Amino acid sequence: MRLGSFRRPGPLGAFWEAARALDPEVEDESDLAGARECHLEELFEAAGAHKIEATLLSVSVEHPTFTEWWEPFTLGVGPAGSYTAGLDPDRQARLRDLCHERFPDEPFVVTARAWAARGLA
């Protein structure tokens, strides 16, 4: 079983790598609030919080097939789904193929990471 290992980790790392191969100018989700280390702490501090504690949460999910991993992107939900839904059928098929190249073995495991923080007002 293969673990996903991409420049940007997580379940969307492979997707956005493939999208960037298809469209080098695509904007991914890396600039969203809390998407990078220490950003939640900066936001909490800016809001006046103190005694801030931050941590990294992670969970690994085994996908039995590539199709099971790919299907949610076709539903048009979130930035990745919106991007996929906005492609014409040929480019959507090319994106699917580019993603599949990143997960050639089945089953495979993808680890999602999320930054979490709490603080006192």
PDB file of N, CA and C in Angstrom:
ATOM      1  N   MET A   1       0.837  -1.164   0.000  1.00  0.00           N
ATOM      2  CA  MET A   1       0.000   0.000   0.000  1.00  0.00           C
ATOM      3  C   MET A   1       0.888   1.235   0.000  1.00  0.00           C
ATOM      4  N   ARG A   2       0.589   2.173  -0.880  1.00  0.00           N
ATOM      5  CA  ARG A   2       1.408   3.366  -1.058  1.00  0.00           C
ATOM      6  C   ARG A   2       0.833   4.532  -0.266  1.00  0.00           C
ATOM      7  N   LEU A   3       1.717   5.287   0.365  1.00  0.00           N
ATOM      8  CA  LEU A   3       1.318   6.509   1.048  1.00  0.00           C
ATOM      9  C   LEU A   3       1.527   7.671   0.094  1.00  0.00           C
ATOM     10  N   GLY A   4       0.562   8.600   0.043  1.00  0.00           N
ATOM     11  CA  GLY A   4       0.726   9.792  -0.778  1.00  0.00           C
ATOM     12  C   GLY A   4       1.854  10.653  -0.231  1.00  0.00           C
ATOM     13  N   SER A   5       2.734  11.110  -1.085  1.00  0.00           N
ATOM     14  CA  SER A   5       3.842  11.976  -0.683  1.00  0.00           C
ATOM     15  C   SER A   5       3.994  13.055  -1.737  1.00  0.00           C
ATOM     16  N   PHE A   6       3.557  14.258  -1.410  1.00  0.00           N
ATOM     17  CA  PHE A   6       3.503  15.319  -2.392  1.00  0.00           C
ATOM     18  C   PHE A   6       4.118  16.584  -1.832  1.00  0.00           C
ATOM     19  N   ARG A   7       4.424  17.509  -2.725  1.00  0.00           N
ATOM     20  CA  ARG A   7       5.018  18.778  -2.315  1.00  0.00           C
ATOM     21  C   ARG A   7       4.135  19.440  -1.268  1.00  0.00           C
ATOM     22  N   ARG A   8       2.854  19.454  -1.478  1.00  0.00           N
ATOM     23  CA  ARG A   8       1.909  19.935  -0.475  1.00  0.00           C
ATOM     24  C   ARG A   8       1.142  18.706   0.010  1.00  0.00           C
ATOM     25  N   PRO A   9       1.341  18.334   1.263  1.00  0.00           N
ATOM     26  CA  PRO A   9       0.719  17.103   1.757  1.00  0.00           C
ATOM     27  C   PRO A   9      -0.788  17.242   1.930  1.00  0.00           C
ATOM     28  N   GLY A  10      -1.416  16.135   2.200  1.00  0.00           N
ATOM     29  CA  GLY A  10      -2.843  16.117   2.465  1.00  0.00           C
ATOM     30  C   GLY A  10      -3.630  15.598   1.288  1.00  0.00           C
ATOM     31  N   PRO A  11      -4.927  15.452   1.489  1.00  0.00           N
ATOM     32  CA  PRO A  11      -5.764  14.883   0.445  1.00  0.00           C
ATOM     33  C   PRO A  11      -5.860  15.761  -0.791  1.00  0.00           C
ATOM     34  N   LEU A  12      -5.580  17.047  -0.657  1.00  0.00           N
ATOM     35  CA  LEU A  12      -5.652  17.945  -1.800  1.00  0.00           C
ATOM     36  C   LEU A  12      -4.300  18.202  -2.453  1.00  0.00           C
ATOM     37  N   GLY A  13      -3.222  17.756  -1.823  1.00  0.00           N
ATOM     38  CA  GLY A  13      -1.901  17.981  -2.382  1.00  0.00           C
ATOM     39  C   GLY A  13      -1.755  17.410  -3.783  1.00  0.00           C
ATOM     40  N   ALA A  14      -2.131  16.168  -3.958  1.00  0.00           N
ATOM     41  CA  ALA A  14      -2.024  15.529  -5.273  1.00  0.00           C
ATOM     42  C   ALA A  14      -2.957  16.193  -6.273  1.00  0.00           C
ATOM     43  N   PHE A  15      -4.142  16.561  -5.820  1.00  0.00           N
ATOM     44  CA  PHE A  15      -5.104  17.216  -6.717  1.00  0.00           C
ATOM     45  C   PHE A  15      -4.526  18.516  -7.265  1.00  0.00           C
ATOM     46  N   TRP A  16      -4.017  19.379  -6.361  1.00  0.00           N
ATOM     47  CA  TRP A  16      -3.529  20.682  -6.807  1.00  0.00           C
ATOM     48  C   TRP A  16      -2.232  20.564  -7.598  1.00  0.00           C
ATOM     49  N   GLU A  17      -1.417  19.559  -7.320  1.00  0.00           N
ATOM     50  CA  GLU A  17      -0.242  19.312  -8.159  1.00  0.00           C
ATOM     51  C   GLU A  17      -0.680  18.983  -9.584  1.00  0.00           C
ATOM     52  N   ALA A  18      -1.677  18.131  -9.705  1.00  0.00           N
ATOM     53  CA  ALA A  18      -2.187  17.755 -11.024  1.00  0.00           C
ATOM     54  C   ALA A  18      -2.836  18.955 -11.705  1.00  0.00           C
ATOM     55  N   ALA A  19      -3.610  19.729 -10.956  1.00  0.00           N
ATOM     56  CA  ALA A  19      -4.258  20.914 -11.527  1.00  0.00           C
ATOM     57  C   ALA A  19      -3.207  21.906 -12.023  1.00  0.00           C
ATOM     58  N   ARG A  20      -2.115  22.049 -11.278  1.00  0.00           N
ATOM     59  CA  ARG A  20      -1.048  22.964 -11.678  1.00  0.00           C
ATOM     60  C   ARG A  20      -0.337  22.448 -12.934  1.00  0.00           C
ATOM     61  N   ALA A  21      -0.236  21.140 -13.092  1.00  0.00           N
ATOM     62  CA  ALA A  21       0.344  20.574 -14.316  1.00  0.00           C
ATOM     63  C   ALA A  21      -0.555  20.878 -15.511  1.00  0.00           C
ATOM     64  N   LEU A  22      -1.847  20.899 -15.280  1.00  0.00           N
ATOM     65  CA  LEU A  22      -2.818  21.204 -16.335  1.00  0.00           C
ATOM     66  C   LEU A  22      -2.885  22.704 -16.594  1.00  0.00           C
ATOM     67  N   ASP A  23      -2.818  23.477 -15.531  1.00  0.00           N
ATOM     68  CA  ASP A  23      -2.987  24.927 -15.605  1.00  0.00           C
ATOM     69  C   ASP A  23      -2.038  25.586 -14.600  1.00  0.00           C
ATOM     70  N   PRO A  24      -0.839  25.965 -15.035  1.00  0.00           N
ATOM     71  CA  PRO A  24       0.166  26.516 -14.106  1.00  0.00           C
ATOM     72  C   PRO A  24      -0.295  27.757 -13.338  1.00  0.00           C
ATOM     73  N   GLU A  25      -1.315  28.445 -13.802  1.00  0.00           N
ATOM     74  CA  GLU A  25      -1.790  29.669 -13.144  1.00  0.00           C
ATOM     75  C   GLU A  25      -2.917  29.412 -12.140  1.00  0.00           C
ATOM     76  N   VAL A  26      -3.303  28.155 -11.939  1.00  0.00           N
ATOM     77  CA  VAL A  26      -4.422  27.850 -11.046  1.00  0.00           C
ATOM     78  C   VAL A  26      -4.101  28.302  -9.615  1.00  0.00           C
ATOM     79  N   GLU A  27      -5.107  28.835  -8.942  1.00  0.00           N
ATOM     80  CA  GLU A  27      -4.957  29.218  -7.539  1.00  0.00           C
ATOM     81  C   GLU A  27      -5.478  28.082  -6.674  1.00  0.00           C
ATOM     82  N   ASP A  28      -4.613  27.561  -5.811  1.00  0.00           N
ATOM     83  CA  ASP A  28      -5.023  26.471  -4.934  1.00  0.00           C
ATOM     84  C   ASP A  28      -5.553  27.041  -3.622  1.00  0.00           C
ATOM     85  N   GLU A  29      -5.625  26.210  -2.612  1.00  0.00           N
ATOM     86  CA  GLU A  29      -6.202  26.614  -1.329  1.00  0.00           C
ATOM     87  C   GLU A  29      -5.154  27.016  -0.292  1.00  0.00           C
ATOM     88  N   SER A  30      -3.901  27.114  -0.699  1.00  0.00           N
ATOM     89  CA  SER A  30      -2.832  27.333   0.267  1.00  0.00           C
ATOM     90  C   SER A  30      -2.854  28.716   0.918  1.00  0.00           C
ATOM     91  N   ASP A  31      -3.575  29.663   0.337  1.00  0.00           N
ATOM     92  CA  ASP A  31      -3.640  30.998   0.928  1.00  0.00           C
ATOM     93  C   ASP A  31      -4.871  31.198   1.809  1.00  0.00           C
ATOM     94  N   LEU A  32      -5.679  30.183   1.979  1.00  0.00           N
ATOM     95  CA  LEU A  32      -6.858  30.310   2.836  1.00  0.00           C
ATOM     96  C   LEU A  32      -6.447  30.404   4.305  1.00  0.00           C
ATOM     97  N   ALA A  33      -7.296  31.016   5.094  1.00  0.00           N
ATOM     98  CA  ALA A  33      -7.014  31.189   6.527  1.00  0.00           C
ATOM     99  C   ALA A  33      -6.742  29.842   7.188  1.00  0.00           C
ATOM    100  N   GLY A  34      -5.634  29.788   7.924  1.00  0.00           N
ATOM    101  CA  GLY A  34      -5.294  28.590   8.678  1.00  0.00           C
ATOM    102  C   GLY A  34      -4.659  27.480   7.879  1.00  0.00           C
ATOM    103  N   ALA A  35      -4.327  27.735   6.620  1.00  0.00           N
ATOM    104  CA  ALA A  35      -3.785  26.671   5.773  1.00  0.00           C
ATOM    105  C   ALA A  35      -2.292  26.456   5.949  1.00  0.00           C
ATOM    106  N   ARG A  36      -1.614  27.371   6.636  1.00  0.00           N
ATOM    107  CA  ARG A  36      -0.175  27.215   6.825  1.00  0.00           C
ATOM    108  C   ARG A  36       0.169  27.272   8.305  1.00  0.00           C
ATOM    109  N   GLU A  37       1.305  26.706   8.632  1.00  0.00           N
ATOM    110  CA  GLU A  37       1.760  26.669  10.021  1.00  0.00           C
ATOM    111  C   GLU A  37       1.842  28.080  10.599  1.00  0.00           C
ATOM    112  N   CYS A  38       1.369  28.232  11.816  1.00  0.00           N
ATOM    113  CA  CYS A  38       1.398  29.470  12.608  1.00  0.00           C
ATOM    114  C   CYS A  38       0.366  30.514  12.180  1.00  0.00           C
ATOM    115  N   HIS A  39      -0.352  30.311  11.080  1.00  0.00           N
ATOM    116  CA  HIS A  39      -1.294  31.325  10.635  1.00  0.00           C
ATOM    117  C   HIS A  39      -2.469  31.494  11.598  1.00  0.00           C
ATOM    118  N   LEU A  40      -2.988  30.393  12.150  1.00  0.00           N
ATOM    119  CA  LEU A  40      -4.082  30.521  13.113  1.00  0.00           C
ATOM    120  C   LEU A  40      -3.632  31.305  14.344  1.00  0.00           C
ATOM    121  N   GLU A  41      -2.411  31.051  14.785  1.00  0.00           N
ATOM    122  CA  GLU A  41      -1.889  31.796  15.937  1.00  0.00           C
ATOM    123  C   GLU A  41      -1.816  33.291  15.625  1.00  0.00           C
ATOM    124  N   GLU A  42      -1.366  33.636  14.429  1.00  0.00           N
ATOM    125  CA  GLU A  42      -1.314  35.040  14.012  1.00  0.00           C
ATOM    126  C   GLU A  42      -2.714  35.654  14.007  1.00  0.00           C
ATOM    127  N   LEU A  43      -3.686  34.912  13.508  1.00  0.00           N
ATOM    128  CA  LEU A  43      -5.062  35.410  13.468  1.00  0.00           C
ATOM    129  C   LEU A  43      -5.630  35.589  14.874  1.00  0.00           C
ATOM    130  N   PHE A  44      -5.344  34.628  15.755  1.00  0.00           N
ATOM    131  CA  PHE A  44      -5.813  34.736  17.135  1.00  0.00           C
ATOM    132  C   PHE A  44      -5.188  35.952  17.819  1.00  0.00           C
ATOM    133  N   GLU A  45      -3.887  36.141  17.618  1.00  0.00           N
ATOM    134  CA  GLU A  45      -3.208  37.295  18.210  1.00  0.00           C
ATOM    135  C   GLU A  45      -3.801  38.598  17.685  1.00  0.00           C
ATOM    136  N   ALA A  46      -4.054  38.668  16.399  1.00  0.00           N
ATOM    137  CA  ALA A  46      -4.641  39.866  15.787  1.00  0.00           C
ATOM    138  C   ALA A  46      -6.034  40.151  16.341  1.00  0.00           C
ATOM    139  N   ALA A  47      -6.726  39.101  16.769  1.00  0.00           N
ATOM    140  CA  ALA A  47      -8.068  39.257  17.336  1.00  0.00           C
ATOM    141  C   ALA A  47      -8.019  39.558  18.827  1.00  0.00           C
ATOM    142  N   GLY A  48      -6.807  39.596  19.409  1.00  0.00           N
ATOM    143  CA  GLY A  48      -6.661  39.935  20.816  1.00  0.00           C
ATOM    144  C   GLY A  48      -6.628  38.759  21.768  1.00  0.00           C
ATOM    145  N   ALA A  49      -6.533  37.563  21.237  1.00  0.00           N
ATOM    146  CA  ALA A  49      -6.478  36.382  22.111  1.00  0.00           C
ATOM    147  C   ALA A  49      -5.084  36.265  22.743  1.00  0.00           C
ATOM    148  N   HIS A  50      -5.032  35.598  23.877  1.00  0.00           N
ATOM    149  CA  HIS A  50      -3.765  35.317  24.546  1.00  0.00           C
ATOM    150  C   HIS A  50      -3.788  33.878  25.042  1.00  0.00           C
ATOM    151  N   LYS A  51      -2.686  33.424  25.589  1.00  0.00           N
ATOM    152  CA  LYS A  51      -2.530  32.025  25.994  1.00  0.00           C
ATOM    153  C   LYS A  51      -2.945  31.093  24.851  1.00  0.00           C
ATOM    154  N   ILE A  52      -2.419  31.368  23.707  1.00  0.00           N
ATOM    155  CA  ILE A  52      -2.771  30.617  22.497  1.00  0.00           C
ATOM    156  C   ILE A  52      -1.987  29.305  22.467  1.00  0.00           C
ATOM    157  N   GLU A  53      -2.708  28.245  22.202  1.00  0.00           N
ATOM    158  CA  GLU A  53      -2.111  26.920  22.019  1.00  0.00           C
ATOM    159  C   GLU A  53      -2.462  26.443  20.620  1.00  0.00           C
ATOM    160  N   ALA A  54      -1.474  25.973  19.918  1.00  0.00           N
ATOM    161  CA  ALA A  54      -1.701  25.477  18.562  1.00  0.00           C
ATOM    162  C   ALA A  54      -1.143  24.071  18.437  1.00  0.00           C
ATOM    163  N   THR A  55      -1.744  23.314  17.560  1.00  0.00           N
ATOM    164  CA  THR A  55      -1.284  21.947  17.319  1.00  0.00           C
ATOM    165  C   THR A  55      -1.627  21.545  15.889  1.00  0.00           C
ATOM    166  N   LEU A  56      -1.022  20.491  15.462  1.00  0.00           N
ATOM    167  CA  LEU A  56      -1.294  19.912  14.159  1.00  0.00           C
ATOM    168  C   LEU A  56      -2.089  18.623  14.361  1.00  0.00           C
ATOM    169  N   LEU A  57      -3.210  18.526  13.706  1.00  0.00           N
ATOM    170  CA  LEU A  57      -4.034  17.318  13.748  1.00  0.00           C
ATOM    171  C   LEU A  57      -3.842  16.574  12.432  1.00  0.00           C
ATOM    172  N   SER A  58      -3.813  15.277  12.486  1.00  0.00           N
ATOM    173  CA  SER A  58      -3.704  14.517  11.244  1.00  0.00           C
ATOM    174  C   SER A  58      -4.520  13.234  11.343  1.00  0.00           C
ATOM    175  N   VAL A  59      -4.985  12.821  10.198  1.00  0.00           N
ATOM    176  CA  VAL A  59      -5.732  11.575  10.098  1.00  0.00           C
ATOM    177  C   VAL A  59      -5.388  10.946   8.753  1.00  0.00           C
ATOM    178  N   SER A  60      -5.202   9.644   8.747  1.00  0.00           N
ATOM    179  CA  SER A  60      -4.895   8.919   7.519  1.00  0.00           C
ATOM    180  C   SER A  60      -6.116   8.129   7.085  1.00  0.00           C
ATOM    181  N   VAL A  61      -6.375   8.177   5.788  1.00  0.00           N
ATOM    182  CA  VAL A  61      -7.533   7.475   5.221  1.00  0.00           C
ATOM    183  C   VAL A  61      -7.045   6.584   4.091  1.00  0.00           C
ATOM    184  N   GLU A  62      -7.443   5.325   4.165  1.00  0.00           N
ATOM    185  CA  GLU A  62      -7.128   4.401   3.080  1.00  0.00           C
ATOM    186  C   GLU A  62      -8.233   4.475   2.034  1.00  0.00           C
ATOM    187  N   HIS A  63      -7.824   4.684   0.798  1.00  0.00           N
ATOM    188  CA  HIS A  63      -8.769   4.684  -0.323  1.00  0.00           C
ATOM    189  C   HIS A  63      -8.584   3.366  -1.078  1.00  0.00           C
ATOM    190  N   PRO A  64      -9.625   2.554  -1.150  1.00  0.00           N
ATOM    191  CA  PRO A  64      -9.484   1.264  -1.814  1.00  0.00           C
ATOM    192  C   PRO A  64      -9.244   1.387  -3.314  1.00  0.00           C
ATOM    193  N   THR A  65      -9.776   2.449  -3.921  1.00  0.00           N
ATOM    194  CA  THR A  65      -9.592   2.652  -5.355  1.00  0.00           C
ATOM    195  C   THR A  65      -9.375   4.134  -5.644  1.00  0.00           C
ATOM    196  N   PHE A  66      -8.778   4.408  -6.788  1.00  0.00           N
ATOM    197  CA  PHE A  66      -8.613   5.790  -7.215  1.00  0.00           C
ATOM    198  C   PHE A  66      -9.980   6.439  -7.430  1.00  0.00           C
ATOM    199  N   THR A  67     -10.914   5.704  -8.017  1.00  0.00           N
ATOM    200  CA  THR A  67     -12.246   6.246  -8.290  1.00  0.00           C
ATOM    201  C   THR A  67     -12.912   6.715  -7.012  1.00  0.00           C
ATOM    202  N   GLU A  68     -12.749   5.994  -5.933  1.00  0.00           N
ATOM    203  CA  GLU A  68     -13.341   6.398  -4.652  1.00  0.00           C
ATOM    204  C   GLU A  68     -12.746   7.717  -4.189  1.00  0.00           C
ATOM    205  N   TRP A  69     -11.450   7.927  -4.411  1.00  0.00           N
ATOM    206  CA  TRP A  69     -10.803   9.190  -4.050  1.00  0.00           C
ATOM    207  C   TRP A  69     -11.248  10.323  -4.970  1.00  0.00           C
ATOM    208  N   TRP A  70     -11.363  10.049  -6.268  1.00  0.00           N
ATOM    209  CA  TRP A  70     -11.661  11.062  -7.279  1.00  0.00           C
ATOM    210  C   TRP A  70     -13.100  11.561  -7.231  1.00  0.00           C
ATOM    211  N   GLU A  71     -14.039  10.701  -6.974  1.00  0.00           N
ATOM    212  CA  GLU A  71     -15.477  11.011  -7.070  1.00  0.00           C
ATOM    213  C   GLU A  71     -15.881  12.315  -6.369  1.00  0.00           C
ATOM    214  N   PRO A  72     -15.457  12.597  -5.150  1.00  0.00           N
ATOM    215  CA  PRO A  72     -15.889  13.845  -4.507  1.00  0.00           C
ATOM    216  C   PRO A  72     -15.507  15.108  -5.276  1.00  0.00           C
ATOM    217  N   PHE A  73     -14.429  15.073  -6.026  1.00  0.00           N
ATOM    218  CA  PHE A  73     -14.028  16.253  -6.788  1.00  0.00           C
ATOM    219  C   PHE A  73     -15.013  16.562  -7.907  1.00  0.00           C
ATOM    220  N   THR A  74     -15.765  15.572  -8.343  1.00  0.00           N
ATOM    221  CA  THR A  74     -16.713  15.770  -9.447  1.00  0.00           C
ATOM    222  C   THR A  74     -18.029  16.376  -8.982  1.00  0.00           C
ATOM    223  N   LEU A  75     -18.190  16.559  -7.672  1.00  0.00           N
ATOM    224  CA  LEU A  75     -19.456  17.062  -7.136  1.00  0.00           C
ATOM    225  C   LEU A  75     -19.523  18.580  -7.063  1.00  0.00           C
ATOM    226  N   GLY A  76     -18.424  19.252  -7.380  1.00  0.00           N
ATOM    227  CA  GLY A  76     -18.420  20.708  -7.417  1.00  0.00           C
ATOM    228  C   GLY A  76     -18.367  21.387  -6.064  1.00  0.00           C
ATOM    229  N   VAL A  77     -17.977  20.667  -5.021  1.00  0.00           N
ATOM    230  CA  VAL A  77     -17.959  21.222  -3.667  1.00  0.00           C
ATOM    231  C   VAL A  77     -16.567  21.756  -3.331  1.00  0.00           C
ATOM    232  N   GLY A  78     -16.512  22.924  -2.748  1.00  0.00           N
ATOM    233  CA  GLY A  78     -15.244  23.515  -2.329  1.00  0.00           C
ATOM    234  C   GLY A  78     -14.431  24.009  -3.509  1.00  0.00           C
ATOM    235  N   PRO A  79     -13.291  24.637  -3.238  1.00  0.00           N
ATOM    236  CA  PRO A  79     -12.463  25.154  -4.319  1.00  0.00           C
ATOM    237  C   PRO A  79     -12.016  24.085  -5.322  1.00  0.00           C
ATOM    238  N   ALA A  80     -11.627  22.914  -4.848  1.00  0.00           N
ATOM    239  CA  ALA A  80     -11.184  21.861  -5.765  1.00  0.00           C
ATOM    240  C   ALA A  80     -12.339  21.355  -6.621  1.00  0.00           C
ATOM    241  N   GLY A  81     -13.493  21.162  -6.008  1.00  0.00           N
ATOM    242  CA  GLY A  81     -14.663  20.718  -6.762  1.00  0.00           C
ATOM    243  C   GLY A  81     -15.139  21.770  -7.750  1.00  0.00           C
ATOM    244  N   SER A  82     -15.096  23.033  -7.350  1.00  0.00           N
ATOM    245  CA  SER A  82     -15.487  24.122  -8.258  1.00  0.00           C
ATOM    246  C   SER A  82     -14.547  24.182  -9.455  1.00  0.00           C
ATOM    247  N   TYR A  83     -13.267  24.015  -9.175  1.00  0.00           N
ATOM    248  CA  TYR A  83     -12.296  24.020 -10.272  1.00  0.00           C
ATOM    249  C   TYR A  83     -12.598  22.883 -11.242  1.00  0.00           C
ATOM    250  N   THR A  84     -12.809  21.691 -10.706  1.00  0.00           N
ATOM    251  CA  THR A  84     -13.086  20.523 -11.549  1.00  0.00           C
ATOM    252  C   THR A  84     -14.360  20.722 -12.355  1.00  0.00           C
ATOM    253  N   ALA A  85     -15.423  21.189 -11.700  1.00  0.00           N
ATOM    254  CA  ALA A  85     -16.700  21.386 -12.378  1.00  0.00           C
ATOM    255  C   ALA A  85     -16.608  22.439 -13.475  1.00  0.00           C
ATOM    256  N   GLY A  86     -15.682  23.376 -13.350  1.00  0.00           N
ATOM    257  CA  GLY A  86     -15.541  24.439 -14.343  1.00  0.00           C
ATOM    258  C   GLY A  86     -14.755  24.042 -15.576  1.00  0.00           C
ATOM    259  N   LEU A  87     -14.181  22.858 -15.570  1.00  0.00           N
ATOM    260  CA  LEU A  87     -13.413  22.392 -16.725  1.00  0.00           C
ATOM    261  C   LEU A  87     -14.320  21.769 -17.768  1.00  0.00           C
ATOM    262  N   ASP A  88     -13.957  21.899 -19.041  1.00  0.00           N
ATOM    263  CA  ASP A  88     -14.714  21.191 -20.070  1.00  0.00           C
ATOM    264  C   ASP A  88     -14.416  19.698 -19.925  1.00  0.00           C
ATOM    265  N   PRO A  89     -15.227  18.838 -20.507  1.00  0.00           N
ATOM    266  CA  PRO A  89     -15.055  17.388 -20.306  1.00  0.00           C
ATOM    267  C   PRO A  89     -13.663  16.866 -20.641  1.00  0.00           C
ATOM    268  N   ASP A  90     -13.035  17.378 -21.703  1.00  0.00           N
ATOM    269  CA  ASP A  90     -11.700  16.893 -22.073  1.00  0.00           C
ATOM    270  C   ASP A  90     -10.662  17.275 -21.022  1.00  0.00           C
ATOM    271  N   ARG A  91     -10.705  18.514 -20.537  1.00  0.00           N
ATOM    272  CA  ARG A  91      -9.743  18.952 -19.523  1.00  0.00           C
ATOM    273  C   ARG A  91     -10.029  18.275 -18.186  1.00  0.00           C
ATOM    274  N   GLN A  92     -11.286  18.014 -17.897  1.00  0.00           N
ATOM    275  CA  GLN A  92     -11.616  17.295 -16.669  1.00  0.00           C
ATOM    276  C   GLN A  92     -11.059  15.868 -16.733  1.00  0.00           C
ATOM    277  N   ALA A  93     -11.164  15.238 -17.884  1.00  0.00           N
ATOM    278  CA  ALA A  93     -10.605  13.888 -18.052  1.00  0.00           C
ATOM    279  C   ALA A  93      -9.086  13.922 -17.938  1.00  0.00           C
ATOM    280  N   ARG A  94      -8.463  14.972 -18.472  1.00  0.00           N
ATOM    281  CA  ARG A  94      -7.000  15.098 -18.361  1.00  0.00           C
ATOM    282  C   ARG A  94      -6.589  15.303 -16.910  1.00  0.00           C
ATOM    283  N   LEU A  95      -7.350  16.120 -16.173  1.00  0.00           N
ATOM    284  CA  LEU A  95      -7.066  16.315 -14.753  1.00  0.00           C
ATOM    285  C   LEU A  95      -7.188  14.992 -14.006  1.00  0.00           C
ATOM    286  N   ARG A  96      -8.230  14.235 -14.305  1.00  0.00           N
ATOM    287  CA  ARG A  96      -8.404  12.924 -13.668  1.00  0.00           C
ATOM    288  C   ARG A  96      -7.190  12.040 -13.949  1.00  0.00           C
ATOM    289  N   ASP A  97      -6.744  12.013 -15.202  1.00  0.00           N
ATOM    290  CA  ASP A  97      -5.579  11.198 -15.562  1.00  0.00           C
ATOM    291  C   ASP A  97      -4.320  11.663 -14.826  1.00  0.00           C
ATOM    292  N   LEU A  98      -4.125  12.971 -14.732  1.00  0.00           N
ATOM    293  CA  LEU A  98      -2.962  13.508 -14.023  1.00  0.00           C
ATOM    294  C   LEU A  98      -3.010  13.139 -12.540  1.00  0.00           C
ATOM    295  N   CYS A  99      -4.189  13.175 -11.961  1.00  0.00           N
ATOM    296  CA  CYS A  99      -4.336  12.751 -10.568  1.00  0.00           C
ATOM    297  C   CYS A  99      -4.051  11.261 -10.431  1.00  0.00           C
ATOM    298  N   HIS A 100      -4.589  10.476 -11.360  1.00  0.00           N
ATOM    299  CA  HIS A 100      -4.409   9.023 -11.283  1.00  0.00           C
ATOM    300  C   HIS A 100      -2.939   8.639 -11.388  1.00  0.00           C
ATOM    301  N   GLU A 101      -2.164   9.398 -12.150  1.00  0.00           N
ATOM    302  CA  GLU A 101      -0.719   9.138 -12.238  1.00  0.00           C
ATOM    303  C   GLU A 101      -0.058   9.247 -10.865  1.00  0.00           C
ATOM    304  N   ARG A 102      -0.630  10.039  -9.990  1.00  0.00           N
ATOM    305  CA  ARG A 102      -0.058  10.248  -8.660  1.00  0.00           C
ATOM    306  C   ARG A 102      -0.459   9.143  -7.679  1.00  0.00           C
ATOM    307  N   PHE A 103      -1.456   8.354  -8.049  1.00  0.00           N
ATOM    308  CA  PHE A 103      -1.911   7.224  -7.220  1.00  0.00           C
ATOM    309  C   PHE A 103      -2.030   5.981  -8.099  1.00  0.00           C
ATOM    310  N   PRO A 104      -0.914   5.460  -8.606  1.00  0.00           N
ATOM    311  CA  PRO A 104      -1.006   4.322  -9.526  1.00  0.00           C
ATOM    312  C   PRO A 104      -1.345   3.005  -8.842  1.00  0.00           C
ATOM    313  N   ASP A 105      -1.089   2.908  -7.544  1.00  0.00           N
ATOM    314  CA  ASP A 105      -1.330   1.659  -6.830  1.00  0.00           C
ATOM    315  C   ASP A 105      -2.615   1.754  -6.025  1.00  0.00           C
ATOM    316  N   GLU A 106      -3.277   0.649  -5.872  1.00  0.00           N
ATOM    317  CA  GLU A 106      -4.485   0.578  -5.041  1.00  0.00           C
ATOM    318  C   GLU A 106      -4.352  -0.592  -4.099  1.00  0.00           C
ATOM    319  N   PRO A 107      -4.782  -0.471  -2.872  1.00  0.00           N
ATOM    320  CA  PRO A 107      -5.273   0.753  -2.234  1.00  0.00           C
ATOM    321  C   PRO A 107      -4.118   1.706  -1.924  1.00  0.00           C
ATOM    322  N   PHE A 108      -4.471   2.938  -1.533  1.00  0.00           N
ATOM    323  CA  PHE A 108      -3.458   3.901  -1.140  1.00  0.00           C
ATOM    324  C   PHE A 108      -3.976   4.704   0.043  1.00  0.00           C
ATOM    325  N   VAL A 109      -3.041   5.288   0.781  1.00  0.00           N
ATOM    326  CA  VAL A 109      -3.371   6.045   1.983  1.00  0.00           C
ATOM    327  C   VAL A 109      -3.001   7.511   1.768  1.00  0.00           C
ATOM    328  N   VAL A 110      -3.909   8.370   2.166  1.00  0.00           N
ATOM    329  CA  VAL A 110      -3.655   9.804   2.131  1.00  0.00           C
ATOM    330  C   VAL A 110      -3.833  10.327   3.549  1.00  0.00           C
ATOM    331  N   THR A 111      -2.890  11.154   3.988  1.00  0.00           N
ATOM    332  CA  THR A 111      -2.963  11.729   5.322  1.00  0.00           C
ATOM    333  C   THR A 111      -3.353  13.195   5.229  1.00  0.00           C
ATOM    334  N   ALA A 112      -4.431  13.530   5.902  1.00  0.00           N
ATOM    335  CA  ALA A 112      -4.901  14.919   5.957  1.00  0.00           C
ATOM    336  C   ALA A 112      -4.329  15.579   7.196  1.00  0.00           C
ATOM    337  N   ARG A 113      -3.937  16.844   7.040  1.00  0.00           N
ATOM    338  CA  ARG A 113      -3.416  17.611   8.166  1.00  0.00           C
ATOM    339  C   ARG A 113      -4.244  18.880   8.309  1.00  0.00           C
ATOM    340  N   ALA A 114      -4.465  19.272   9.549  1.00  0.00           N
ATOM    341  CA  ALA A 114      -5.189  20.514   9.823  1.00  0.00           C
ATOM    342  C   ALA A 114      -4.563  21.185  11.028  1.00  0.00           C
ATOM    343  N   TRP A 115      -4.395  22.484  10.936  1.00  0.00           N
ATOM    344  CA  TRP A 115      -3.893  23.254  12.065  1.00  0.00           C
ATOM    345  C   TRP A 115      -5.068  23.593  12.954  1.00  0.00           C
ATOM    346  N   ALA A 116      -4.862  23.518  14.240  1.00  0.00           N
ATOM    347  CA  ALA A 116      -5.903  23.842  15.216  1.00  0.00           C
ATOM    348  C   ALA A 116      -5.287  24.765  16.263  1.00  0.00           C
ATOM    349  N   ALA A 117      -6.095  25.660  16.794  1.00  0.00           N
ATOM    350  CA  ALA A 117      -5.608  26.574  17.816  1.00  0.00           C
ATOM    351  C   ALA A 117      -6.748  26.937  18.739  1.00  0.00           C
ATOM    352  N   ARG A 118      -6.372  27.321  19.956  1.00  0.00           N
ATOM    353  CA  ARG A 118      -7.346  27.850  20.898  1.00  0.00           C
ATOM    354  C   ARG A 118      -6.643  28.917  21.728  1.00  0.00           C
ATOM    355  N   GLY A 119      -7.429  29.826  22.221  1.00  0.00           N
ATOM    356  CA  GLY A 119      -6.860  30.891  23.027  1.00  0.00           C
ATOM    357  C   GLY A 119      -7.941  31.540  23.865  1.00  0.00           C
ATOM    358  N   LEU A 120      -7.521  32.411  24.746  1.00  0.00           N
ATOM    359  CA  LEU A 120      -8.457  33.121  25.612  1.00  0.00           C
ATOM    360  C   LEU A 120      -8.611  34.554  25.125  1.00  0.00           C
ATOM    361  N   ALA A 121      -9.840  35.016  25.194  1.00  0.00           N
ATOM    362  CA  ALA A 121     -10.113  36.399  24.760  1.00  0.00           C
ATOM    363  C   ALA A 121      -9.778  37.381  25.875  1.00  0.00           C
TER     364      ALA A 121
END
